């Protein structure tokens, strides 16, 4: 479960960073799909919460 938590945390962190960078870049340059990219950020935060929770739960069982 610890490995799944680490993988989820890293994936969600990358998802949040990419969503922020590409979303704001598209918004500044007038892209119409900026909202789609920016909507990845809340999903990334939920993934971060899930990953950290999984990691901490696996440590408390030892």
Protein backbone atom coordinates (compact mmCIF):
# COMPACT_ATOMS: atom_id res chain seq x y z
CA UNK A 1 0.00 0.00 0.00
CA UNK A 2 2.95 2.29 0.61
CA UNK A 3 4.15 1.96 -2.98
CA UNK A 4 0.68 2.76 -4.30
CA UNK A 5 0.58 5.86 -2.11
CA UNK A 6 3.94 7.08 -3.38
CA UNK A 7 2.97 6.48 -7.01
CA UNK A 8 -0.36 8.26 -6.51
CA UNK A 9 1.32 11.20 -4.81
CA UNK A 10 3.91 11.66 -7.53
CA UNK A 11 1.37 11.29 -10.34
CA UNK A 12 -0.98 13.80 -8.71
CA UNK A 13 1.85 16.25 -8.13
CA UNK A 14 2.84 16.08 -11.79
CA UNK A 15 -0.82 16.43 -12.82
CA UNK A 16 -1.24 19.58 -10.70
CA UNK A 17 1.95 21.19 -11.95
CA UNK A 18 1.23 20.46 -15.60
CA UNK A 19 -2.36 21.66 -15.22
CA UNK A 20 -1.24 24.95 -13.71
CA UNK A 21 1.53 25.66 -16.19
CA UNK A 22 -0.31 24.68 -19.37
CA UNK A 23 -3.63 26.14 -18.18
CA UNK A 24 -2.21 29.56 -17.44
CA UNK A 25 -0.11 29.47 -20.61
CA UNK A 26 -3.22 28.76 -22.70
CA UNK A 27 -5.20 31.42 -20.84
CA UNK A 28 -2.57 34.09 -21.47
CA UNK A 29 -2.31 33.18 -25.14
CA UNK A 30 -6.08 33.05 -25.67
CA UNK A 31 -6.53 29.31 -25.92
CA UNK A 32 -10.09 28.10 -25.55
CA UNK A 33 -9.20 24.87 -23.75
CA UNK A 34 -7.48 26.56 -20.80
CA UNK A 35 -10.35 25.59 -18.51
CA UNK A 36 -9.80 21.92 -19.28
CA UNK A 37 -6.16 22.15 -18.25
CA UNK A 38 -6.93 24.19 -15.14
CA UNK A 39 -9.57 21.67 -14.09
CA UNK A 40 -6.79 19.10 -13.69
CA UNK A 41 -5.49 21.00 -10.65
CA UNK A 42 -8.34 20.04 -8.25
CA UNK A 43 -8.05 16.45 -9.41
CA UNK A 44 -4.35 16.61 -8.64
CA UNK A 45 -5.07 17.88 -5.13
CA UNK A 46 -7.52 15.04 -4.52
CA UNK A 47 -4.88 12.61 -5.76
CA UNK A 48 -2.30 14.17 -3.44
CA UNK A 49 -4.63 13.76 -0.49
CA UNK A 50 -5.31 10.15 -1.43
CA UNK A 51 -1.63 9.35 -1.93
CA UNK A 52 -0.50 10.90 1.34
CA UNK A 53 -3.33 9.16 3.20
CA UNK A 54 -2.40 5.79 1.71
CA UNK A 55 1.24 6.32 2.60
CA UNK A 56 0.46 7.28 6.19
CA UNK A 57 -2.01 4.44 6.68
CA UNK A 58 0.54 1.91 5.53
CA UNK A 59 3.10 3.25 8.01
CA UNK A 60 0.72 3.09 10.96
CA UNK A 61 0.16 -0.65 10.53
CA UNK A 62 3.83 -1.51 11.06
